[in-house]
Amino acid sequence: MAARPRTLPAAIAPVLVGSAAAHGPDFRWLAFFAALLGSVLIQIGTNLANDYSDAKRGADTADRLGPVRVTSAGLVAPKRVLTATWIAFGLAALVGIYLATVAGPGIIAVGLISIAAGYLYTGGPRPYGYAGLGEVFVFLFFGLVAVNGSYYVQVEQLDTLPILLSVAVGCLSTAILVVNNVRDLDTDRRAGKNTLAVRIGRQRTRALYLGLVGLAFLMVPVALLAGDGPGWGMLAWLSAPMAIKPARAVRERTDGAALNGALAGTGALLGVFSILLSVGLLI
């Protein structure tokens, strides 16, 4: 429950897209699986850290609309959740050491910064998630960093195609957090957790969600044209109908059940979008 498997598409999607953009006869399969494992471990560690830190700060109360959080609900002792957090991050660091032997020591720095960002989202003395910066960091780390990092461990350079595609993936990853924050807007406000949704209000947050989803799809042809990518990458647009139901829920509903469904739907959209885009790049 604390690992939040519904959020894991945000960790898997960028690795698929970045790796597919780098495919070729010298494709490094072990590096691909290592990048995928490292990304998932960082996501799980971030979720565990969030579960622990929000409970410690009193942000996860009994009246929240989202799924049960194991620490605040007393299902798991806080110390055990914190231990699991550092186990996940520690394993991710070990994966990073292997990737550094493949693509250079710079990968270790990227991994350590990603781990720090995951922990400091709601942990540490000044959590940036409580200051309305969560969406910025999700866009950076689950979009730009993860896609281009996965591309880099294959070819050891950066190019226009993965950079622009990382914007599309980052938008959908950020949209997942936006749904989470618009759902928890009232309880976060009462707990003093000043997320972006709390700062700009429900209507603007809803507009932000729609804008992020729309921009993700618009960036696909831009990236393919500017980065000389294959036209088959437009297969990603076949996932567009999946955006209708969660977008409608975000725009019209405030109840937890509907917005939890929108959260899962946005994660599924990101997953299918990225798989179709990756298939198109491979074709």
C-alpha atoms as a PDB file:
ATOM      1  CA  MET A   1       0.000   0.000   0.000  1.00  0.00           C
ATOM      2  CA  ALA A   2       2.799   2.418   0.897  1.00  0.00           C
ATOM      3  CA  ALA A   3       4.651   1.706  -2.352  1.00  0.00           C
ATOM      4  CA  ARG A   4       1.568   2.964  -4.282  1.00  0.00           C
ATOM      5  CA  PRO A   5       1.822   0.770  -7.389  1.00  0.00           C
ATOM      6  CA  ARG A   6      -0.633   2.982  -9.270  1.00  0.00           C
ATOM      7  CA  THR A   7       2.043   5.686  -9.409  1.00  0.00           C
ATOM      8  CA  LEU A   8       4.743   3.408 -10.840  1.00  0.00           C
ATOM      9  CA  PRO A   9       3.935   4.202 -14.503  1.00  0.00           C
ATOM     10  CA  ALA A  10       5.594   7.547 -13.746  1.00  0.00           C
ATOM     11  CA  ALA A  11       8.836   5.636 -13.101  1.00  0.00           C
ATOM     12  CA  ILE A  12       8.548   3.129 -15.947  1.00  0.00           C
ATOM     13  CA  ALA A  13       7.310   5.405 -18.742  1.00  0.00           C
ATOM     14  CA  PRO A  14      10.346   7.710 -19.058  1.00  0.00           C
ATOM     15  CA  VAL A  15      12.772   4.783 -19.167  1.00  0.00           C
ATOM     16  CA  LEU A  16      10.782   3.128 -21.951  1.00  0.00           C
ATOM     17  CA  VAL A  17      10.659   6.305 -24.032  1.00  0.00           C
ATOM     18  CA  GLY A  18      14.278   7.307 -23.496  1.00  0.00           C
ATOM     19  CA  SER A  19      15.529   3.802 -24.233  1.00  0.00           C
ATOM     20  CA  ALA A  20      13.331   3.408 -27.333  1.00  0.00           C
ATOM     21  CA  ALA A  21      14.652   6.706 -28.689  1.00  0.00           C
ATOM     22  CA  ALA A  22      18.191   5.314 -28.331  1.00  0.00           C
ATOM     23  CA  HIS A  23      17.550   1.879 -29.859  1.00  0.00           C
ATOM     24  CA  GLY A  24      20.116   0.528 -32.282  1.00  0.00           C
ATOM     25  CA  PRO A  25      22.382  -2.430 -32.989  1.00  0.00           C
ATOM     26  CA  ASP A  26      24.535  -1.690 -29.913  1.00  0.00           C
ATOM     27  CA  PHE A  27      21.610  -1.393 -27.503  1.00  0.00           C
ATOM     28  CA  ARG A  28      22.688  -2.052 -23.910  1.00  0.00           C
ATOM     29  CA  TRP A  29      20.044  -4.387 -22.521  1.00  0.00           C
ATOM     30  CA  LEU A  30      21.536  -4.665 -19.043  1.00  0.00           C
ATOM     31  CA  ALA A  31      21.749  -0.879 -18.817  1.00  0.00           C
ATOM     32  CA  PHE A  32      18.086  -0.659 -19.850  1.00  0.00           C
ATOM     33  CA  PHE A  33      16.930  -3.068 -17.145  1.00  0.00           C
ATOM     34  CA  ALA A  34      19.166  -1.360 -14.579  1.00  0.00           C
ATOM     35  CA  ALA A  35      17.752   2.065 -15.449  1.00  0.00           C
ATOM     36  CA  LEU A  36      14.228   0.670 -15.211  1.00  0.00           C
ATOM     37  CA  LEU A  37      14.911  -0.932 -11.831  1.00  0.00           C
ATOM     38  CA  GLY A  38      16.629   2.177 -10.487  1.00  0.00           C
ATOM     39  CA  SER A  39      13.766   4.419 -11.555  1.00  0.00           C
ATOM     40  CA  VAL A  40      11.158   2.155  -9.930  1.00  0.00           C
ATOM     41  CA  LEU A  41      13.172   1.943  -6.706  1.00  0.00           C
ATOM     42  CA  ILE A  42      13.476   5.736  -6.504  1.00  0.00           C
ATOM     43  CA  GLN A  43       9.724   6.071  -7.056  1.00  0.00           C
ATOM     44  CA  ILE A  44       8.978   3.508  -4.328  1.00  0.00           C
ATOM     45  CA  GLY A  45      11.444   5.185  -1.969  1.00  0.00           C
ATOM     46  CA  THR A  46       9.804   8.544  -2.635  1.00  0.00           C
ATOM     47  CA  ASN A  47       6.348   7.117  -1.924  1.00  0.00           C
ATOM     48  CA  LEU A  48       7.529   5.526   1.318  1.00  0.00           C
ATOM     49  CA  ALA A  49       9.254   8.735   2.387  1.00  0.00           C
ATOM     50  CA  ASN A  50       6.069  10.661   1.611  1.00  0.00           C
ATOM     51  CA  ASP A  51       3.975   8.223   3.665  1.00  0.00           C
ATOM     52  CA  TYR A  52       6.331   8.582   6.632  1.00  0.00           C
ATOM     53  CA  SER A  53       6.883  12.342   6.456  1.00  0.00           C
ATOM     54  CA  ASP A  54       3.246  13.322   5.884  1.00  0.00           C
ATOM     55  CA  ALA A  55       2.207  11.254   8.890  1.00  0.00           C
ATOM     56  CA  LYS A  56       4.944  12.804  11.015  1.00  0.00           C
ATOM     57  CA  ARG A  57       3.820  16.317  10.028  1.00  0.00           C
ATOM     58  CA  GLY A  58       0.130  15.534  10.524  1.00  0.00           C
ATOM     59  CA  ALA A  59      -0.810  16.046   6.868  1.00  0.00           C
ATOM     60  CA  ASP A  60      -2.442  12.610   6.479  1.00  0.00           C
ATOM     61  CA  THR A  61      -5.545  12.825   8.653  1.00  0.00           C
ATOM     62  CA  ALA A  62      -8.566  10.546   8.940  1.00  0.00           C
ATOM     63  CA  ASP A  63     -10.675  12.824   6.713  1.00  0.00           C
ATOM     64  CA  ARG A  64      -8.382  12.658   3.659  1.00  0.00           C
ATOM     65  CA  LEU A  65     -10.060  11.530   0.444  1.00  0.00           C
ATOM     66  CA  GLY A  66      -7.214   9.442  -0.910  1.00  0.00           C
ATOM     67  CA  PRO A  67      -6.236   5.830  -0.173  1.00  0.00           C
ATOM     68  CA  VAL A  68      -5.201   4.851   3.345  1.00  0.00           C
ATOM     69  CA  ARG A  69      -1.650   5.788   4.294  1.00  0.00           C
ATOM     70  CA  VAL A  70      -0.025   3.017   6.292  1.00  0.00           C
ATOM     71  CA  THR A  71       1.935   5.184   8.732  1.00  0.00           C
ATOM     72  CA  SER A  72      -0.846   7.564   9.741  1.00  0.00           C
ATOM     73  CA  ALA A  73      -3.330   4.682   9.923  1.00  0.00           C
ATOM     74  CA  GLY A  74      -1.055   2.770  12.300  1.00  0.00           C
ATOM     75  CA  LEU A  75      -0.781  -0.223   9.962  1.00  0.00           C
ATOM     76  CA  VAL A  76       3.016  -0.105   9.975  1.00  0.00           C
ATOM     77  CA  ALA A  77       5.335   1.402  12.569  1.00  0.00           C
ATOM     78  CA  PRO A  78       6.927   4.687  11.402  1.00  0.00           C
ATOM     79  CA  LYS A  79      10.444   3.324  11.999  1.00  0.00           C
ATOM     80  CA  ARG A  80       9.776   0.375   9.694  1.00  0.00           C
ATOM     81  CA  VAL A  81       8.456   2.656   6.927  1.00  0.00           C
ATOM     82  CA  LEU A  82      11.551   4.846   7.260  1.00  0.00           C
ATOM     83  CA  THR A  83      13.802   1.775   7.146  1.00  0.00           C
ATOM     84  CA  ALA A  84      12.049   0.550   4.007  1.00  0.00           C
ATOM     85  CA  THR A  85      12.524   4.008   2.489  1.00  0.00           C
ATOM     86  CA  TRP A  86      16.288   3.880   2.866  1.00  0.00           C
ATOM     87  CA  ILE A  87      16.453   0.260   1.688  1.00  0.00           C
ATOM     88  CA  ALA A  88      14.714   1.297  -1.553  1.00  0.00           C
ATOM     89  CA  PHE A  89      16.991   4.312  -1.992  1.00  0.00           C
ATOM     90  CA  GLY A  90      20.069   2.234  -1.101  1.00  0.00           C
ATOM     91  CA  LEU A  91      19.251  -0.389  -3.725  1.00  0.00           C
ATOM     92  CA  ALA A  92      18.703   2.413  -6.264  1.00  0.00           C
ATOM     93  CA  ALA A  93      22.169   3.754  -5.418  1.00  0.00           C
ATOM     94  CA  LEU A  94      23.703   0.319  -6.055  1.00  0.00           C
ATOM     95  CA  VAL A  95      22.019   0.228  -9.451  1.00  0.00           C
ATOM     96  CA  GLY A  96      23.453   3.690 -10.113  1.00  0.00           C
ATOM     97  CA  ILE A  97      26.961   2.428  -9.381  1.00  0.00           C
ATOM     98  CA  TYR A  98      26.548  -0.237 -12.062  1.00  0.00           C
ATOM     99  CA  LEU A  99      25.237   2.328 -14.556  1.00  0.00           C
ATOM    100  CA  ALA A 100      28.249   4.520 -13.796  1.00  0.00           C
ATOM    101  CA  THR A 101      30.529   1.701 -14.967  1.00  0.00           C
ATOM    102  CA  VAL A 102      28.596   1.690 -18.244  1.00  0.00           C
ATOM    103  CA  ALA A 103      28.083   5.388 -18.960  1.00  0.00           C
ATOM    104  CA  GLY A 104      30.426   7.289 -16.655  1.00  0.00           C
ATOM    105  CA  PRO A 105      30.412   8.690 -13.100  1.00  0.00           C
ATOM    106  CA  GLY A 106      28.012  11.508 -13.953  1.00  0.00           C
ATOM    107  CA  ILE A 107      25.186   8.971 -13.626  1.00  0.00           C
ATOM    108  CA  ILE A 108      25.927   8.634  -9.902  1.00  0.00           C
ATOM    109  CA  ALA A 109      25.443  12.369  -9.409  1.00  0.00           C
ATOM    110  CA  VAL A 110      22.137  12.257 -11.284  1.00  0.00           C
ATOM    111  CA  GLY A 111      20.979   9.327  -9.157  1.00  0.00           C
ATOM    112  CA  LEU A 112      21.952  10.925  -5.857  1.00  0.00           C
ATOM    113  CA  ILE A 113      20.219  14.180  -6.776  1.00  0.00           C
ATOM    114  CA  SER A 114      17.110  12.196  -7.758  1.00  0.00           C
ATOM    115  CA  ILE A 115      17.132  10.345  -4.419  1.00  0.00           C
ATOM    116  CA  ALA A 116      17.573  13.605  -2.520  1.00  0.00           C
ATOM    117  CA  ALA A 117      14.678  15.140  -4.442  1.00  0.00           C
ATOM    118  CA  GLY A 118      12.501  12.122  -3.614  1.00  0.00           C
ATOM    119  CA  TYR A 119      13.207  12.361   0.107  1.00  0.00           C
ATOM    120  CA  LEU A 120      13.017  16.155   0.377  1.00  0.00           C
ATOM    121  CA  TYR A 121       9.624  16.275  -1.372  1.00  0.00           C
ATOM    122  CA  THR A 122       7.942  15.955   2.018  1.00  0.00           C
ATOM    123  CA  GLY A 123      10.957  15.212   4.254  1.00  0.00           C
ATOM    124  CA  GLY A 124      13.699  17.328   5.766  1.00  0.00           C
ATOM    125  CA  PRO A 125      13.396  20.728   7.457  1.00  0.00           C
ATOM    126  CA  ARG A 126      11.949  22.566   4.432  1.00  0.00           C
ATOM    127  CA  PRO A 127      10.020  20.092   2.194  1.00  0.00           C
ATOM    128  CA  TYR A 128       9.477  21.592  -1.225  1.00  0.00           C
ATOM    129  CA  GLY A 129       6.188  19.709  -1.633  1.00  0.00           C
ATOM    130  CA  TYR A 130       4.796  21.918   1.131  1.00  0.00           C
ATOM    131  CA  ALA A 131       5.887  25.024  -0.751  1.00  0.00           C
ATOM    132  CA  GLY A 132       4.023  24.396  -4.004  1.00  0.00           C
ATOM    133  CA  LEU A 133       7.072  23.120  -5.909  1.00  0.00           C
ATOM    134  CA  GLY A 134       6.149  19.440  -6.182  1.00  0.00           C
ATOM    135  CA  GLU A 135       4.932  19.718  -9.763  1.00  0.00           C
ATOM    136  CA  VAL A 136       8.157  21.415 -10.866  1.00  0.00           C
ATOM    137  CA  PHE A 137      10.315  18.632  -9.465  1.00  0.00           C
ATOM    138  CA  VAL A 138       8.119  15.839 -10.851  1.00  0.00           C
ATOM    139  CA  PHE A 139       8.364  17.438 -14.302  1.00  0.00           C
ATOM    140  CA  LEU A 140      12.138  17.712 -13.989  1.00  0.00           C
ATOM    141  CA  PHE A 141      12.922  14.293 -12.526  1.00  0.00           C
ATOM    142  CA  PHE A 142      10.195  12.055 -13.982  1.00  0.00           C
ATOM    143  CA  GLY A 143      10.317  13.835 -17.318  1.00  0.00           C
ATOM    144  CA  LEU A 144      13.547  15.550 -18.314  1.00  0.00           C
ATOM    145  CA  VAL A 145      16.001  13.679 -16.102  1.00  0.00           C
ATOM    146  CA  ALA A 146      14.543  10.167 -16.402  1.00  0.00           C
ATOM    147  CA  VAL A 147      13.972  10.183 -20.183  1.00  0.00           C
ATOM    148  CA  ASN A 148      17.283  11.805 -21.060  1.00  0.00           C
ATOM    149  CA  GLY A 149      19.166   9.799 -18.437  1.00  0.00           C
ATOM    150  CA  SER A 150      17.813   6.562 -19.919  1.00  0.00           C
ATOM    151  CA  TYR A 151      18.834   7.759 -23.376  1.00  0.00           C
ATOM    152  CA  TYR A 152      22.284   8.787 -22.142  1.00  0.00           C
ATOM    153  CA  VAL A 153      23.169   5.404 -20.600  1.00  0.00           C
ATOM    154  CA  GLN A 154      22.669   3.912 -24.081  1.00  0.00           C
ATOM    155  CA  VAL A 155      24.503   6.362 -26.341  1.00  0.00           C
ATOM    156  CA  GLU A 156      26.363   8.660 -23.887  1.00  0.00           C
ATOM    157  CA  GLN A 157      25.068  11.864 -25.473  1.00  0.00           C
ATOM    158  CA  LEU A 158      21.929  14.008 -25.520  1.00  0.00           C
ATOM    159  CA  ASP A 159      19.836  14.769 -28.605  1.00  0.00           C
ATOM    160  CA  THR A 160      16.833  16.852 -29.642  1.00  0.00           C
ATOM    161  CA  LEU A 161      14.365  13.965 -29.957  1.00  0.00           C
ATOM    162  CA  PRO A 162      14.612  12.636 -26.371  1.00  0.00           C
ATOM    163  CA  ILE A 163      14.797  16.149 -24.933  1.00  0.00           C
ATOM    164  CA  LEU A 164      11.491  17.139 -26.545  1.00  0.00           C
ATOM    165  CA  LEU A 165       9.837  13.791 -25.841  1.00  0.00           C
ATOM    166  CA  SER A 166      10.847  14.167 -22.194  1.00  0.00           C
ATOM    167  CA  VAL A 167       8.635  17.256 -22.044  1.00  0.00           C
ATOM    168  CA  ALA A 168       5.631  15.175 -23.121  1.00  0.00           C
ATOM    169  CA  VAL A 169       6.356  12.436 -20.567  1.00  0.00           C
ATOM    170  CA  GLY A 170       7.034  15.036 -17.883  1.00  0.00           C
ATOM    171  CA  CYS A 171       3.675  16.700 -18.517  1.00  0.00           C
ATOM    172  CA  LEU A 172       1.728  13.477 -17.983  1.00  0.00           C
ATOM    173  CA  SER A 173       3.807  12.537 -14.927  1.00  0.00           C
ATOM    174  CA  THR A 174       3.104  15.963 -13.462  1.00  0.00           C
ATOM    175  CA  ALA A 175      -0.601  15.564 -14.242  1.00  0.00           C
ATOM    176  CA  ILE A 176      -0.672  12.558 -11.881  1.00  0.00           C
ATOM    177  CA  LEU A 177       0.523  14.750  -9.014  1.00  0.00           C
ATOM    178  CA  VAL A 178      -1.920  17.498  -9.982  1.00  0.00           C
ATOM    179  CA  VAL A 179      -4.834  15.054  -9.612  1.00  0.00           C
ATOM    180  CA  ASN A 180      -3.496  13.970  -6.233  1.00  0.00           C
ATOM    181  CA  ASN A 181      -3.206  17.570  -5.049  1.00  0.00           C
ATOM    182  CA  VAL A 182      -6.576  18.749  -6.326  1.00  0.00           C
ATOM    183  CA  ARG A 183      -8.163  15.791  -4.533  1.00  0.00           C
ATOM    184  CA  ASP A 184      -6.391  16.627  -1.261  1.00  0.00           C
ATOM    185  CA  LEU A 185      -6.749  20.386  -1.601  1.00  0.00           C
ATOM    186  CA  ASP A 186      -9.027  20.948   1.398  1.00  0.00           C
ATOM    187  CA  THR A 187      -7.246  18.597   3.801  1.00  0.00           C
ATOM    188  CA  ASP A 188      -3.823  19.902   2.706  1.00  0.00           C
ATOM    189  CA  ARG A 189      -4.954  23.465   3.360  1.00  0.00           C
ATOM    190  CA  ARG A 190      -6.101  22.570   6.863  1.00  0.00           C
ATOM    191  CA  ALA A 191      -2.806  20.776   7.537  1.00  0.00           C
ATOM    192  CA  GLY A 192      -0.755  23.750   6.347  1.00  0.00           C
ATOM    193  CA  LYS A 193       0.555  21.851   3.328  1.00  0.00           C
ATOM    194  CA  ASN A 194       0.719  24.612   0.727  1.00  0.00           C
ATOM    195  CA  THR A 195       0.765  22.579  -2.455  1.00  0.00           C
ATOM    196  CA  LEU A 196       0.391  24.318  -5.791  1.00  0.00           C
ATOM    197  CA  ALA A 197      -3.311  23.417  -5.748  1.00  0.00           C
ATOM    198  CA  VAL A 198      -3.716  25.153  -2.376  1.00  0.00           C
ATOM    199  CA  ARG A 199      -1.868  28.203  -3.658  1.00  0.00           C
ATOM    200  CA  ILE A 200      -3.699  28.703  -6.952  1.00  0.00           C
ATOM    201  CA  GLY A 201      -7.114  27.234  -6.103  1.00  0.00           C
ATOM    202  CA  ARG A 202      -9.260  24.451  -7.508  1.00  0.00           C
ATOM    203  CA  GLN A 203     -10.291  26.031 -10.811  1.00  0.00           C
ATOM    204  CA  ARG A 204      -6.774  26.969 -11.871  1.00  0.00           C
ATOM    205  CA  THR A 205      -5.489  23.563 -10.824  1.00  0.00           C
ATOM    206  CA  ARG A 206      -8.123  21.928 -12.987  1.00  0.00           C
ATOM    207  CA  ALA A 207      -7.029  24.109 -15.902  1.00  0.00           C
ATOM    208  CA  LEU A 208      -3.407  23.154 -15.223  1.00  0.00           C
ATOM    209  CA  TYR A 209      -4.297  19.466 -15.455  1.00  0.00           C
ATOM    210  CA  LEU A 210      -6.039  19.915 -18.808  1.00  0.00           C
ATOM    211  CA  GLY A 211      -3.143  22.018 -20.083  1.00  0.00           C
ATOM    212  CA  LEU A 212      -0.551  19.425 -19.116  1.00  0.00           C
ATOM    213  CA  VAL A 213      -2.427  16.591 -20.809  1.00  0.00           C
ATOM    214  CA  GLY A 214      -3.006  18.656 -23.944  1.00  0.00           C
ATOM    215  CA  LEU A 215       0.630  19.782 -24.122  1.00  0.00           C
ATOM    216  CA  ALA A 216       1.842  16.186 -23.794  1.00  0.00           C
ATOM    217  CA  PHE A 217       0.025  15.205 -26.974  1.00  0.00           C
ATOM    218  CA  LEU A 218       1.041  18.377 -28.821  1.00  0.00           C
ATOM    219  CA  MET A 219       4.709  17.767 -28.044  1.00  0.00           C
ATOM    220  CA  VAL A 220       4.762  14.423 -29.869  1.00  0.00           C
ATOM    221  CA  PRO A 221       4.626  15.777 -33.464  1.00  0.00           C
ATOM    222  CA  VAL A 222       6.864  18.690 -32.460  1.00  0.00           C
ATOM    223  CA  ALA A 223       9.497  16.281 -31.136  1.00  0.00           C
ATOM    224  CA  LEU A 224       9.249  13.943 -34.127  1.00  0.00           C
ATOM    225  CA  LEU A 225       9.641  16.796 -36.596  1.00  0.00           C
ATOM    226  CA  ALA A 226      12.365  18.728 -34.762  1.00  0.00           C
ATOM    227  CA  GLY A 227      14.262  15.605 -33.731  1.00  0.00           C
ATOM    228  CA  ASP A 228      13.958  13.769 -37.053  1.00  0.00           C
ATOM    229  CA  GLY A 229      12.015  10.979 -35.369  1.00  0.00           C
ATOM    230  CA  PRO A 230       9.919   8.329 -37.110  1.00  0.00           C
ATOM    231  CA  GLY A 231       6.335   9.224 -37.974  1.00  0.00           C
ATOM    232  CA  TRP A 232       5.246   6.014 -36.292  1.00  0.00           C
ATOM    233  CA  GLY A 233       5.763   7.849 -33.010  1.00  0.00           C
ATOM    234  CA  MET A 234       2.321   9.356 -33.615  1.00  0.00           C
ATOM    235  CA  LEU A 235       0.939   6.036 -32.393  1.00  0.00           C
ATOM    236  CA  ALA A 236       1.028   7.755 -28.982  1.00  0.00           C
ATOM    237  CA  TRP A 237      -2.055   9.707 -30.036  1.00  0.00           C
ATOM    238  CA  LEU A 238      -4.084   6.487 -29.998  1.00  0.00           C
ATOM    239  CA  SER A 239      -4.095   6.812 -26.214  1.00  0.00           C
ATOM    240  CA  ALA A 240      -5.941  10.161 -26.385  1.00  0.00           C
ATOM    241  CA  PRO A 241      -9.424   8.700 -25.687  1.00  0.00           C
ATOM    242  CA  MET A 242      -8.107   7.474 -22.339  1.00  0.00           C
ATOM    243  CA  ALA A 243      -7.733  11.107 -21.264  1.00  0.00           C
ATOM    244  CA  ILE A 244     -11.458  11.866 -21.533  1.00  0.00           C
ATOM    245  CA  LYS A 245     -12.723  10.161 -18.378  1.00  0.00           C
ATOM    246  CA  PRO A 246     -10.064  11.413 -15.938  1.00  0.00           C
ATOM    247  CA  ALA A 247     -10.206  14.910 -17.453  1.00  0.00           C
ATOM    248  CA  ARG A 248     -13.955  15.020 -16.940  1.00  0.00           C
ATOM    249  CA  ALA A 249     -13.586  13.870 -13.328  1.00  0.00           C
ATOM    250  CA  VAL A 250     -10.913  16.471 -12.565  1.00  0.00           C
ATOM    251  CA  ARG A 251     -12.999  19.209 -14.186  1.00  0.00           C
ATOM    252  CA  GLU A 252     -16.346  18.351 -12.591  1.00  0.00           C
ATOM    253  CA  ARG A 253     -15.905  16.261  -9.438  1.00  0.00           C
ATOM    254  CA  THR A 254     -14.616  16.849  -5.914  1.00  0.00           C
ATOM    255  CA  ASP A 255     -15.361  13.483  -4.274  1.00  0.00           C
ATOM    256  CA  GLY A 256     -12.558  11.116  -3.398  1.00  0.00           C
ATOM    257  CA  ALA A 257     -13.872   8.129  -5.345  1.00  0.00           C
ATOM    258  CA  ALA A 258     -14.026  10.007  -8.638  1.00  0.00           C
ATOM    259  CA  LEU A 259     -10.652  11.685  -8.183  1.00  0.00           C
ATOM    260  CA  ASN A 260      -8.993   8.447  -7.077  1.00  0.00           C
ATOM    261  CA  GLY A 261     -10.306   6.993 -10.318  1.00  0.00           C
ATOM    262  CA  ALA A 262      -8.900   9.981 -12.205  1.00  0.00           C
ATOM    263  CA  LEU A 263      -5.539   9.411 -10.524  1.00  0.00           C
ATOM    264  CA  ALA A 264      -5.477   5.782 -11.645  1.00  0.00           C
ATOM    265  CA  GLY A 265      -6.750   6.781 -15.087  1.00  0.00           C
ATOM    266  CA  THR A 266      -3.992   9.358 -15.534  1.00  0.00           C
ATOM    267  CA  GLY A 267      -1.381   6.796 -14.527  1.00  0.00           C
ATOM    268  CA  ALA A 268      -2.825   4.354 -17.051  1.00  0.00           C
ATOM    269  CA  LEU A 269      -2.837   7.092 -19.701  1.00  0.00           C
ATOM    270  CA  LEU A 270       0.844   7.777 -19.081  1.00  0.00           C
ATOM    271  CA  GLY A 271       1.616   4.066 -19.316  1.00  0.00           C
ATOM    272  CA  VAL A 272      -0.244   3.435 -22.569  1.00  0.00           C
ATOM    273  CA  PHE A 273       0.949   6.740 -24.096  1.00  0.00           C
ATOM    274  CA  SER A 274       4.567   5.803 -23.380  1.00  0.00           C
ATOM    275  CA  ILE A 275       4.229   2.211 -24.604  1.00  0.00           C
ATOM    276  CA  LEU A 276       2.641   3.320 -27.892  1.00  0.00           C
ATOM    277  CA  LEU A 277       5.245   6.069 -28.318  1.00  0.00           C
ATOM    278  CA  SER A 278       8.053   3.598 -27.630  1.00  0.00           C
ATOM    279  CA  VAL A 279       6.628   1.079 -30.109  1.00  0.00           C
ATOM    280  CA  GLY A 280       6.410   3.828 -32.721  1.00  0.00           C
ATOM    281  CA  LEU A 281      10.028   4.812 -32.116  1.00  0.00           C
ATOM    282  CA  LEU A 282      11.129   1.194 -32.457  1.00  0.00           C
ATOM    283  CA  ILE A 283       9.227   0.739 -35.714  1.00  0.00           C
END
